[in-house]
Amino acid sequence: PEIKLLSNGTEEIKGDDTVIAARELIEHKDTLNFQGYIEGNDVVFGRA
């Protein structure tokens, strides 16, 4: 499964402090296929 964090943009600098810190934790988990952020307008297309 491709895993993405919901945020206000796809760039790494986007997101609030909690989302940015969560990204750093998740991307270091080798067992997860983490693919960064997803914006709200991409949710309806199933891009994660």
All heavy atoms as atom14 arrays in JSON, in Angstrom:
{
  "sequence": "PEIKLLSNGTEEIKGDDTVIAARELIEHKDTLNFQGYIEGNDVVFGRA",
  "atom14_mask": [
    [1, 1, 1, 1, 1, 1, 1, 0, 0, 0, 0, 0, 0, 0],
    [1, 1, 1, 1, 1, 1, 1, 1, 1, 0, 0, 0, 0, 0],
    [1, 1, 1, 1, 1, 1, 1, 1, 0, 0, 0, 0, 0, 0],
    [1, 1, 1, 1, 1, 1, 1, 1, 1, 0, 0, 0, 0, 0],
    [1, 1, 1, 1, 1, 1, 1, 1, 0, 0, 0, 0, 0, 0],
    [1, 1, 1, 1, 1, 1, 1, 1, 0, 0, 0, 0, 0, 0],
    [1, 1, 1, 1, 1, 1, 0, 0, 0, 0, 0, 0, 0, 0],
    [1, 1, 1, 1, 1, 1, 1, 1, 0, 0, 0, 0, 0, 0],
    [1, 1, 1, 1, 0, 0, 0, 0, 0, 0, 0, 0, 0, 0],
    [1, 1, 1, 1, 1, 1, 1, 0, 0, 0, 0, 0, 0, 0],
    [1, 1, 1, 1, 1, 1, 1, 1, 1, 0, 0, 0, 0, 0],
    [1, 1, 1, 1, 1, 1, 1, 1, 1, 0, 0, 0, 0, 0],
    [1, 1, 1, 1, 1, 1, 1, 1, 0, 0, 0, 0, 0, 0],
    [1, 1, 1, 1, 1, 1, 1, 1, 1, 0, 0, 0, 0, 0],
    [1, 1, 1, 1, 0, 0, 0, 0, 0, 0, 0, 0, 0, 0],
    [1, 1, 1, 1, 1, 1, 1, 1, 0, 0, 0, 0, 0, 0],
    [1, 1, 1, 1, 1, 1, 1, 1, 0, 0, 0, 0, 0, 0],
    [1, 1, 1, 1, 1, 1, 1, 0, 0, 0, 0, 0, 0, 0],
    [1, 1, 1, 1, 1, 1, 1, 0, 0, 0, 0, 0, 0, 0],
    [1, 1, 1, 1, 1, 1, 1, 1, 0, 0, 0, 0, 0, 0],
    [1, 1, 1, 1, 1, 0, 0, 0, 0, 0, 0, 0, 0, 0],
    [1, 1, 1, 1, 1, 0, 0, 0, 0, 0, 0, 0, 0, 0],
    [1, 1, 1, 1, 1, 1, 1, 1, 1, 1, 1, 0, 0, 0],
    [1, 1, 1, 1, 1, 1, 1, 1, 1, 0, 0, 0, 0, 0],
    [1, 1, 1, 1, 1, 1, 1, 1, 0, 0, 0, 0, 0, 0],
    [1, 1, 1, 1, 1, 1, 1, 1, 0, 0, 0, 0, 0, 0],
    [1, 1, 1, 1, 1, 1, 1, 1, 1, 0, 0, 0, 0, 0],
    [1, 1, 1, 1, 1, 1, 1, 1, 1, 1, 0, 0, 0, 0],
    [1, 1, 1, 1, 1, 1, 1, 1, 1, 0, 0, 0, 0, 0],
    [1, 1, 1, 1, 1, 1, 1, 1, 0, 0, 0, 0, 0, 0],
    [1, 1, 1, 1, 1, 1, 1, 0, 0, 0, 0, 0, 0, 0],
    [1, 1, 1, 1, 1, 1, 1, 1, 0, 0, 0, 0, 0, 0],
    [1, 1, 1, 1, 1, 1, 1, 1, 0, 0, 0, 0, 0, 0],
    [1, 1, 1, 1, 1, 1, 1, 1, 1, 1, 1, 0, 0, 0],
    [1, 1, 1, 1, 1, 1, 1, 1, 1, 0, 0, 0, 0, 0],
    [1, 1, 1, 1, 0, 0, 0, 0, 0, 0, 0, 0, 0, 0],
    [1, 1, 1, 1, 1, 1, 1, 1, 1, 1, 1, 1, 0, 0],
    [1, 1, 1, 1, 1, 1, 1, 1, 0, 0, 0, 0, 0, 0],
    [1, 1, 1, 1, 1, 1, 1, 1, 1, 0, 0, 0, 0, 0],
    [1, 1, 1, 1, 0, 0, 0, 0, 0, 0, 0, 0, 0, 0],
    [1, 1, 1, 1, 1, 1, 1, 1, 0, 0, 0, 0, 0, 0],
    [1, 1, 1, 1, 1, 1, 1, 1, 0, 0, 0, 0, 0, 0],
    [1, 1, 1, 1, 1, 1, 1, 0, 0, 0, 0, 0, 0, 0],
    [1, 1, 1, 1, 1, 1, 1, 0, 0, 0, 0, 0, 0, 0],
    [1, 1, 1, 1, 1, 1, 1, 1, 1, 1, 1, 0, 0, 0],
    [1, 1, 1, 1, 0, 0, 0, 0, 0, 0, 0, 0, 0, 0],
    [1, 1, 1, 1, 1, 1, 1, 1, 1, 1, 1, 0, 0, 0],
    [1, 1, 1, 1, 1, 0, 0, 0, 0, 0, 0, 0, 0, 0]
  ],
  "atom14_positions": [
    [[0.81, -1.22, 0.0], [0.0, 0.0, 0.0], [0.85, 1.27, 0.0], [1.79, 1.41, 0.78], [-0.8, -0.11, 1.31], [-0.73, -1.55, 1.7], [0.57, -2.05, 1.2], [0.0, 0.0, 0.0], [0.0, 0.0, 0.0], [0.0, 0.0, 0.0], [0.0, 0.0, 0.0], [0.0, 0.0, 0.0], [0.0, 0.0, 0.0], [0.0, 0.0, 0.0]],
    [[0.5, 2.19, -0.9], [1.12, 3.51, -0.89], [0.46, 4.35, 0.21], [-0.75, 4.52, 0.22], [0.94, 4.2, -2.25], [1.73, 3.57, -3.37], [1.65, 4.38, -4.64], [0.87, 5.38, -4.67], [2.33, 4.05, -5.61], [0.0, 0.0, 0.0], [0.0, 0.0, 0.0], [0.0, 0.0, 0.0], [0.0, 0.0, 0.0], [0.0, 0.0, 0.0]],
    [[1.28, 4.86, 1.1], [0.78, 5.62, 2.25], [1.16, 7.08, 2.09], [2.32, 7.4, 1.78], [1.36, 5.06, 3.57], [0.94, 3.6, 3.74], [0.93, 5.9, 4.76], [1.65, 2.88, 4.85], [0.0, 0.0, 0.0], [0.0, 0.0, 0.0], [0.0, 0.0, 0.0], [0.0, 0.0, 0.0], [0.0, 0.0, 0.0], [0.0, 0.0, 0.0]],
    [[0.18, 7.96, 2.3], [0.44, 9.4, 2.22], [-0.23, 10.12, 3.39], [-1.25, 9.68, 3.9], [-0.08, 9.98, 0.9], [0.67, 9.45, -0.33], [0.21, 10.14, -1.61], [0.97, 9.6, -2.82], [0.56, 10.28, -4.08], [0.0, 0.0, 0.0], [0.0, 0.0, 0.0], [0.0, 0.0, 0.0], [0.0, 0.0, 0.0], [0.0, 0.0, 0.0]],
    [[0.38, 11.23, 3.78], [-0.15, 12.1, 4.83], [-0.98, 13.21, 4.19], [-0.54, 13.85, 3.23], [1.0, 12.74, 5.62], [1.5, 12.04, 6.87], [2.79, 12.72, 7.34], [0.47, 12.09, 7.99], [0.0, 0.0, 0.0], [0.0, 0.0, 0.0], [0.0, 0.0, 0.0], [0.0, 0.0, 0.0], [0.0, 0.0, 0.0], [0.0, 0.0, 0.0]],
    [[-2.16, 13.45, 4.72], [-2.99, 14.54, 4.23], [-2.38, 15.87, 4.67], [-2.08, 16.06, 5.86], [-4.41, 14.41, 4.78], [-5.43, 15.44, 4.28], [-5.69, 15.26, 2.79], [-6.74, 15.3, 5.06], [0.0, 0.0, 0.0], [0.0, 0.0, 0.0], [0.0, 0.0, 0.0], [0.0, 0.0, 0.0], [0.0, 0.0, 0.0], [0.0, 0.0, 0.0]],
    [[-2.16, 16.77, 3.71], [-1.55, 18.05, 4.03], [-2.07, 19.13, 3.08], [-2.91, 18.86, 2.2], [-0.02, 17.94, 3.94], [0.6, 19.11, 4.44], [0.0, 0.0, 0.0], [0.0, 0.0, 0.0], [0.0, 0.0, 0.0], [0.0, 0.0, 0.0], [0.0, 0.0, 0.0], [0.0, 0.0, 0.0], [0.0, 0.0, 0.0], [0.0, 0.0, 0.0]],
    [[-1.56, 20.33, 3.23], [-2.01, 21.46, 2.4], [-1.1, 21.68, 1.21], [-1.07, 22.76, 0.62], [-2.07, 22.74, 3.25], [-0.72, 23.11, 3.84], [0.11, 22.25, 4.1], [-0.5, 24.4, 4.06], [0.0, 0.0, 0.0], [0.0, 0.0, 0.0], [0.0, 0.0, 0.0], [0.0, 0.0, 0.0], [0.0, 0.0, 0.0], [0.0, 0.0, 0.0]],
    [[-0.35, 20.69, 0.84], [0.51, 20.74, -0.33], [1.39, 19.5, -0.36], [1.48, 18.77, 0.63], [0.0, 0.0, 0.0], [0.0, 0.0, 0.0], [0.0, 0.0, 0.0], [0.0, 0.0, 0.0], [0.0, 0.0, 0.0], [0.0, 0.0, 0.0], [0.0, 0.0, 0.0], [0.0, 0.0, 0.0], [0.0, 0.0, 0.0], [0.0, 0.0, 0.0]],
    [[2.03, 19.26, -1.49], [2.85, 18.06, -1.62], [4.33, 18.32, -1.32], [5.11, 17.38, -1.19], [2.73, 17.48, -3.05], [3.09, 18.48, -4.0], [1.29, 17.03, -3.32], [0.0, 0.0, 0.0], [0.0, 0.0, 0.0], [0.0, 0.0, 0.0], [0.0, 0.0, 0.0], [0.0, 0.0, 0.0], [0.0, 0.0, 0.0], [0.0, 0.0, 0.0]],
    [[4.73, 19.59, -1.24], [6.12, 19.91, -0.95], [6.46, 19.54, 0.5], [5.62, 19.62, 1.38], [6.4, 21.4, -1.17], [6.09, 21.88, -2.58], [4.64, 22.33, -2.76], [3.83, 22.09, -1.84], [4.34, 22.91, -3.81], [0.0, 0.0, 0.0], [0.0, 0.0, 0.0], [0.0, 0.0, 0.0], [0.0, 0.0, 0.0], [0.0, 0.0, 0.0]],
    [[7.71, 19.18, 0.74], [8.13, 18.74, 2.07], [7.99, 19.83, 3.13], [7.84, 19.53, 4.31], [9.59, 18.25, 2.04], [9.76, 16.91, 1.33], [11.13, 16.3, 1.58], [11.82, 16.76, 2.52], [11.52, 15.39, 0.84], [0.0, 0.0, 0.0], [0.0, 0.0, 0.0], [0.0, 0.0, 0.0], [0.0, 0.0, 0.0], [0.0, 0.0, 0.0]],
    [[8.03, 21.09, 2.72], [7.93, 22.19, 3.69], [6.49, 22.45, 4.12], [6.25, 23.22, 5.04], [8.53, 23.5, 3.12], [7.78, 23.91, 1.83], [10.02, 23.34, 2.87], [8.15, 25.3, 1.35], [0.0, 0.0, 0.0], [0.0, 0.0, 0.0], [0.0, 0.0, 0.0], [0.0, 0.0, 0.0], [0.0, 0.0, 0.0], [0.0, 0.0, 0.0]],
    [[5.51, 21.83, 3.46], [4.11, 22.07, 3.79], [3.71, 21.29, 5.05], [4.4, 20.38, 5.49], [3.21, 21.66, 2.61], [3.36, 22.54, 1.38], [2.92, 23.96, 1.68], [3.06, 24.87, 0.49], [2.06, 24.62, -0.55], [0.0, 0.0, 0.0], [0.0, 0.0, 0.0], [0.0, 0.0, 0.0], [0.0, 0.0, 0.0], [0.0, 0.0, 0.0]],
    [[2.55, 21.67, 5.59], [2.05, 21.01, 6.79], [2.39, 21.78, 8.06], [3.32, 22.59, 8.08], [0.0, 0.0, 0.0], [0.0, 0.0, 0.0], [0.0, 0.0, 0.0], [0.0, 0.0, 0.0], [0.0, 0.0, 0.0], [0.0, 0.0, 0.0], [0.0, 0.0, 0.0], [0.0, 0.0, 0.0], [0.0, 0.0, 0.0], [0.0, 0.0, 0.0]],
    [[1.61, 21.52, 9.13], [1.92, 22.15, 10.42], [3.0, 21.35, 11.13], [3.53, 20.36, 10.59], [0.65, 22.3, 11.26], [0.0, 20.97, 11.58], [0.64, 19.91, 11.4], [-1.17, 20.96, 12.01], [0.0, 0.0, 0.0], [0.0, 0.0, 0.0], [0.0, 0.0, 0.0], [0.0, 0.0, 0.0], [0.0, 0.0, 0.0], [0.0, 0.0, 0.0]],
    [[3.35, 21.77, 12.34], [4.45, 21.12, 13.06], [4.19, 19.63, 13.29], [5.1, 18.81, 13.19], [4.68, 21.81, 14.41], [5.23, 23.23, 14.25], [5.72, 23.54, 13.15], [5.15, 24.01, 15.22], [0.0, 0.0, 0.0], [0.0, 0.0, 0.0], [0.0, 0.0, 0.0], [0.0, 0.0, 0.0], [0.0, 0.0, 0.0], [0.0, 0.0, 0.0]],
    [[2.92, 19.29, 13.59], [2.59, 17.89, 13.86], [2.75, 17.04, 12.61], [3.33, 15.94, 12.64], [1.15, 17.77, 14.39], [1.03, 18.52, 15.6], [0.78, 16.32, 14.65], [0.0, 0.0, 0.0], [0.0, 0.0, 0.0], [0.0, 0.0, 0.0], [0.0, 0.0, 0.0], [0.0, 0.0, 0.0], [0.0, 0.0, 0.0], [0.0, 0.0, 0.0]],
    [[2.26, 17.54, 11.48], [2.34, 16.79, 10.22], [3.79, 16.63, 9.78], [4.21, 15.55, 9.33], [1.49, 17.48, 9.13], [1.76, 16.87, 7.76], [0.01, 17.38, 9.46], [0.0, 0.0, 0.0], [0.0, 0.0, 0.0], [0.0, 0.0, 0.0], [0.0, 0.0, 0.0], [0.0, 0.0, 0.0], [0.0, 0.0, 0.0], [0.0, 0.0, 0.0]],
    [[4.58, 17.69, 9.91], [6.0, 17.62, 9.51], [6.74, 16.6, 10.38], [7.52, 15.78, 9.88], [6.65, 19.01, 9.62], [6.08, 19.95, 8.54], [8.17, 18.91, 9.47], [6.49, 21.39, 8.69], [0.0, 0.0, 0.0], [0.0, 0.0, 0.0], [0.0, 0.0, 0.0], [0.0, 0.0, 0.0], [0.0, 0.0, 0.0], [0.0, 0.0, 0.0]],
    [[6.49, 16.64, 11.69], [7.14, 15.68, 12.59], [6.69, 14.26, 12.3], [7.5, 13.31, 12.35], [6.85, 16.06, 14.04], [0.0, 0.0, 0.0], [0.0, 0.0, 0.0], [0.0, 0.0, 0.0], [0.0, 0.0, 0.0], [0.0, 0.0, 0.0], [0.0, 0.0, 0.0], [0.0, 0.0, 0.0], [0.0, 0.0, 0.0], [0.0, 0.0, 0.0]],
    [[5.39, 14.09, 11.99], [4.88, 12.76, 11.65], [5.52, 12.24, 10.37], [5.85, 11.05, 10.27], [3.36, 12.8, 11.5], [0.0, 0.0, 0.0], [0.0, 0.0, 0.0], [0.0, 0.0, 0.0], [0.0, 0.0, 0.0], [0.0, 0.0, 0.0], [0.0, 0.0, 0.0], [0.0, 0.0, 0.0], [0.0, 0.0, 0.0], [0.0, 0.0, 0.0]],
    [[5.71, 13.13, 9.4], [6.36, 12.72, 8.15], [7.76, 12.17, 8.44], [8.15, 11.13, 7.89], [6.45, 13.92, 7.2], [7.16, 13.59, 5.89], [7.5, 14.82, 5.08], [8.24, 14.43, 3.89], [7.76, 14.42, 2.66], [6.51, 14.77, 2.45], [8.51, 14.04, 1.64], [0.0, 0.0, 0.0], [0.0, 0.0, 0.0], [0.0, 0.0, 0.0]],
    [[8.51, 12.84, 9.29], [9.86, 12.39, 9.61], [9.86, 11.02, 10.28], [10.74, 10.19, 10.03], [10.54, 13.43, 10.51], [10.81, 14.75, 9.79], [11.33, 15.82, 10.73], [11.41, 15.55, 11.96], [11.66, 16.92, 10.25], [0.0, 0.0, 0.0], [0.0, 0.0, 0.0], [0.0, 0.0, 0.0], [0.0, 0.0, 0.0], [0.0, 0.0, 0.0]],
    [[8.85, 10.76, 11.12], [8.75, 9.45, 11.77], [8.36, 8.36, 10.77], [8.96, 7.27, 10.76], [7.7, 9.5, 12.89], [8.04, 10.3, 14.15], [6.83, 10.32, 15.09], [9.24, 9.7, 14.86], [0.0, 0.0, 0.0], [0.0, 0.0, 0.0], [0.0, 0.0, 0.0], [0.0, 0.0, 0.0], [0.0, 0.0, 0.0], [0.0, 0.0, 0.0]],
    [[7.38, 8.65, 9.94], [6.85, 7.63, 9.04], [7.85, 7.26, 7.95], [8.01, 6.09, 7.61], [5.51, 8.1, 8.41], [4.45, 8.28, 9.51], [5.01, 7.09, 7.38], [3.17, 8.95, 9.01], [0.0, 0.0, 0.0], [0.0, 0.0, 0.0], [0.0, 0.0, 0.0], [0.0, 0.0, 0.0], [0.0, 0.0, 0.0], [0.0, 0.0, 0.0]],
    [[8.55, 8.26, 7.41], [9.44, 7.96, 6.29], [10.66, 7.15, 6.72], [11.37, 6.61, 5.87], [9.86, 9.25, 5.59], [10.71, 10.19, 6.41], [10.94, 11.51, 5.69], [10.43, 11.67, 4.56], [11.61, 12.4, 6.26], [0.0, 0.0, 0.0], [0.0, 0.0, 0.0], [0.0, 0.0, 0.0], [0.0, 0.0, 0.0], [0.0, 0.0, 0.0]],
    [[10.91, 7.04, 8.01], [12.02, 6.22, 8.49], [11.6, 4.8, 8.84], [12.43, 4.01, 9.33], [12.69, 6.88, 9.71], [13.52, 8.08, 9.35], [13.06, 9.37, 9.44], [14.78, 8.17, 8.87], [13.99, 10.21, 9.05], [15.06, 9.5, 8.69], [0.0, 0.0, 0.0], [0.0, 0.0, 0.0], [0.0, 0.0, 0.0], [0.0, 0.0, 0.0]],
    [[10.33, 4.46, 8.61], [9.85, 3.11, 8.83], [10.02, 2.3, 7.54], [9.29, 2.5, 6.57], [8.37, 3.12, 9.26], [8.16, 3.44, 10.72], [8.59, 2.28, 11.6], [8.38, 2.58, 13.07], [8.83, 1.48, 13.92], [0.0, 0.0, 0.0], [0.0, 0.0, 0.0], [0.0, 0.0, 0.0], [0.0, 0.0, 0.0], [0.0, 0.0, 0.0]],
    [[10.98, 1.38, 7.55], [11.28, 0.61, 6.34], [10.11, -0.29, 5.92], [10.03, -0.69, 4.75], [12.53, -0.26, 6.56], [13.78, 0.59, 6.76], [13.78, 1.74, 6.29], [14.74, 0.1, 7.4], [0.0, 0.0, 0.0], [0.0, 0.0, 0.0], [0.0, 0.0, 0.0], [0.0, 0.0, 0.0], [0.0, 0.0, 0.0], [0.0, 0.0, 0.0]],
    [[9.24, -0.64, 6.86], [8.13, -1.54, 6.55], [6.99, -0.82, 5.82], [6.07, -1.48, 5.35], [7.56, -2.16, 7.84], [7.19, -1.11, 8.75], [8.6, -3.05, 8.5], [0.0, 0.0, 0.0], [0.0, 0.0, 0.0], [0.0, 0.0, 0.0], [0.0, 0.0, 0.0], [0.0, 0.0, 0.0], [0.0, 0.0, 0.0], [0.0, 0.0, 0.0]],
    [[7.06, 0.51, 5.72], [5.98, 1.28, 5.1], [6.41, 1.83, 3.75], [7.53, 2.32, 3.59], [5.57, 2.44, 6.01], [5.03, 2.08, 7.4], [4.71, 3.34, 8.19], [3.81, 1.18, 7.3], [0.0, 0.0, 0.0], [0.0, 0.0, 0.0], [0.0, 0.0, 0.0], [0.0, 0.0, 0.0], [0.0, 0.0, 0.0], [0.0, 0.0, 0.0]],
    [[5.5, 1.76, 2.8], [5.72, 2.33, 1.47], [5.19, 3.77, 1.48], [4.14, 4.07, 0.93], [4.99, 1.48, 0.41], [5.17, 2.02, -0.99], [6.04, 2.84, -1.26], [4.32, 1.56, -1.91], [0.0, 0.0, 0.0], [0.0, 0.0, 0.0], [0.0, 0.0, 0.0], [0.0, 0.0, 0.0], [0.0, 0.0, 0.0], [0.0, 0.0, 0.0]],
    [[5.94, 4.64, 2.15], [5.5, 6.02, 2.35], [5.85, 6.88, 1.14], [6.99, 6.86, 0.66], [6.15, 6.59, 3.6], [5.71, 8.0, 3.92], [4.38, 8.3, 4.14], [6.65, 9.03, 4.0], [3.97, 9.6, 4.43], [6.26, 10.32, 4.3], [4.92, 10.61, 4.52], [0.0, 0.0, 0.0], [0.0, 0.0, 0.0], [0.0, 0.0, 0.0]],
    [[4.86, 7.63, 0.66], [5.03, 8.42, -0.56], [4.79, 9.91, -0.35], [4.44, 10.62, -1.28], [4.08, 7.89, -1.64], [4.3, 6.45, -2.04], [5.64, 6.25, -2.74], [6.06, 7.08, -3.55], [6.33, 5.17, -2.41], [0.0, 0.0, 0.0], [0.0, 0.0, 0.0], [0.0, 0.0, 0.0], [0.0, 0.0, 0.0], [0.0, 0.0, 0.0]],
    [[4.96, 10.38, 0.88], [4.88, 11.82, 1.13], [3.47, 12.31, 1.4], [2.64, 11.62, 2.0], [0.0, 0.0, 0.0], [0.0, 0.0, 0.0], [0.0, 0.0, 0.0], [0.0, 0.0, 0.0], [0.0, 0.0, 0.0], [0.0, 0.0, 0.0], [0.0, 0.0, 0.0], [0.0, 0.0, 0.0], [0.0, 0.0, 0.0], [0.0, 0.0, 0.0]],
    [[3.19, 13.53, 0.94], [1.92, 14.19, 1.22], [0.9, 13.99, 0.1], [1.27, 13.75, -1.06], [2.12, 15.7, 1.39], [2.93, 16.11, 2.59], [3.8, 17.2, 2.52], [2.83, 15.42, 3.79], [4.53, 17.61, 3.62], [3.57, 15.82, 4.91], [4.43, 16.91, 4.81], [5.15, 17.3, 5.9], [0.0, 0.0, 0.0], [0.0, 0.0, 0.0]],
    [[-0.37, 14.13, 0.46], [-1.45, 14.16, -0.52], [-2.33, 15.36, -0.19], [-2.6, 15.65, 0.98], [-2.29, 12.86, -0.53], [-3.35, 12.9, -1.64], [-2.94, 12.6, 0.83], [-4.07, 11.56, -1.85], [0.0, 0.0, 0.0], [0.0, 0.0, 0.0], [0.0, 0.0, 0.0], [0.0, 0.0, 0.0], [0.0, 0.0, 0.0], [0.0, 0.0, 0.0]],
    [[-2.74, 16.11, -1.22], [-3.64, 17.23, -1.03], [-5.09, 16.77, -1.1], [-5.39, 15.71, -1.65], [-3.39, 18.29, -2.11], [-2.02, 18.94, -2.02], [-1.82, 19.98, -3.1], [-1.55, 19.57, -4.26], [-1.93, 21.18, -2.82], [0.0, 0.0, 0.0], [0.0, 0.0, 0.0], [0.0, 0.0, 0.0], [0.0, 0.0, 0.0], [0.0, 0.0, 0.0]],
    [[-5.98, 17.6, -0.57], [-7.4, 17.25, -0.54], [-7.99, 16.99, -1.91], [-8.85, 16.12, -2.07], [0.0, 0.0, 0.0], [0.0, 0.0, 0.0], [0.0, 0.0, 0.0], [0.0, 0.0, 0.0], [0.0, 0.0, 0.0], [0.0, 0.0, 0.0], [0.0, 0.0, 0.0], [0.0, 0.0, 0.0], [0.0, 0.0, 0.0], [0.0, 0.0, 0.0]],
    [[-7.53, 17.74, -2.94], [-8.11, 17.57, -4.27], [-7.69, 16.27, -4.95], [-8.27, 15.86, -5.95], [-7.77, 18.76, -5.18], [-6.27, 18.95, -5.34], [-5.48, 18.5, -4.53], [-5.87, 19.63, -6.4], [0.0, 0.0, 0.0], [0.0, 0.0, 0.0], [0.0, 0.0, 0.0], [0.0, 0.0, 0.0], [0.0, 0.0, 0.0], [0.0, 0.0, 0.0]],
    [[-6.7, 15.58, -4.39], [-6.28, 14.29, -4.95], [-6.95, 13.1, -4.26], [-6.86, 11.98, -4.74], [-4.76, 14.13, -4.85], [-4.02, 14.88, -5.94], [-4.62, 15.09, -7.01], [-2.86, 15.26, -5.71], [0.0, 0.0, 0.0], [0.0, 0.0, 0.0], [0.0, 0.0, 0.0], [0.0, 0.0, 0.0], [0.0, 0.0, 0.0], [0.0, 0.0, 0.0]],
    [[-7.61, 13.37, -3.13], [-8.25, 12.28, -2.39], [-9.31, 11.59, -3.23], [-9.4, 10.36, -3.26], [-8.86, 12.82, -1.07], [-9.72, 11.75, -0.4], [-7.77, 13.29, -0.13], [0.0, 0.0, 0.0], [0.0, 0.0, 0.0], [0.0, 0.0, 0.0], [0.0, 0.0, 0.0], [0.0, 0.0, 0.0], [0.0, 0.0, 0.0], [0.0, 0.0, 0.0]],
    [[-10.12, 12.37, -3.95], [-11.23, 11.8, -4.72], [-10.74, 10.93, -5.87], [-11.46, 10.08, -6.37], [-12.15, 12.93, -5.25], [-11.45, 13.73, -6.34], [-13.47, 12.38, -5.75], [0.0, 0.0, 0.0], [0.0, 0.0, 0.0], [0.0, 0.0, 0.0], [0.0, 0.0, 0.0], [0.0, 0.0, 0.0], [0.0, 0.0, 0.0], [0.0, 0.0, 0.0]],
    [[-9.48, 11.12, -6.28], [-8.93, 10.32, -7.38], [-8.28, 9.02, -6.88], [-7.84, 8.2, -7.68], [-7.9, 11.13, -8.17], [-8.51, 12.23, -9.0], [-8.59, 13.51, -8.5], [-9.05, 11.97, -10.25], [-9.16, 14.53, -9.24], [-9.62, 12.98, -11.0], [-9.68, 14.27, -10.49], [0.0, 0.0, 0.0], [0.0, 0.0, 0.0], [0.0, 0.0, 0.0]],
    [[-8.2, 8.85, -5.58], [-7.62, 7.62, -5.04], [-6.13, 7.51, -5.25], [-5.61, 6.43, -5.5], [0.0, 0.0, 0.0], [0.0, 0.0, 0.0], [0.0, 0.0, 0.0], [0.0, 0.0, 0.0], [0.0, 0.0, 0.0], [0.0, 0.0, 0.0], [0.0, 0.0, 0.0], [0.0, 0.0, 0.0], [0.0, 0.0, 0.0], [0.0, 0.0, 0.0]],
    [[-5.41, 8.64, -5.12], [-3.98, 8.64, -5.41], [-3.13, 8.25, -4.21], [-2.0, 8.72, -4.03], [-3.59, 10.01, -5.98], [-4.15, 10.15, -7.39], [-3.96, 11.5, -7.99], [-4.57, 11.52, -9.33], [-4.93, 12.63, -9.98], [-4.73, 13.81, -9.41], [-5.47, 12.56, -11.17], [0.0, 0.0, 0.0], [0.0, 0.0, 0.0], [0.0, 0.0, 0.0]],
    [[-3.69, 7.41, -3.37], [-2.97, 6.76, -2.26], [-3.83, 5.6, -1.81], [-5.05, 5.66, -1.88], [-2.73, 7.74, -1.11], [0.0, 0.0, 0.0], [0.0, 0.0, 0.0], [0.0, 0.0, 0.0], [0.0, 0.0, 0.0], [0.0, 0.0, 0.0], [0.0, 0.0, 0.0], [0.0, 0.0, 0.0], [0.0, 0.0, 0.0], [0.0, 0.0, 0.0]]
  ]
}
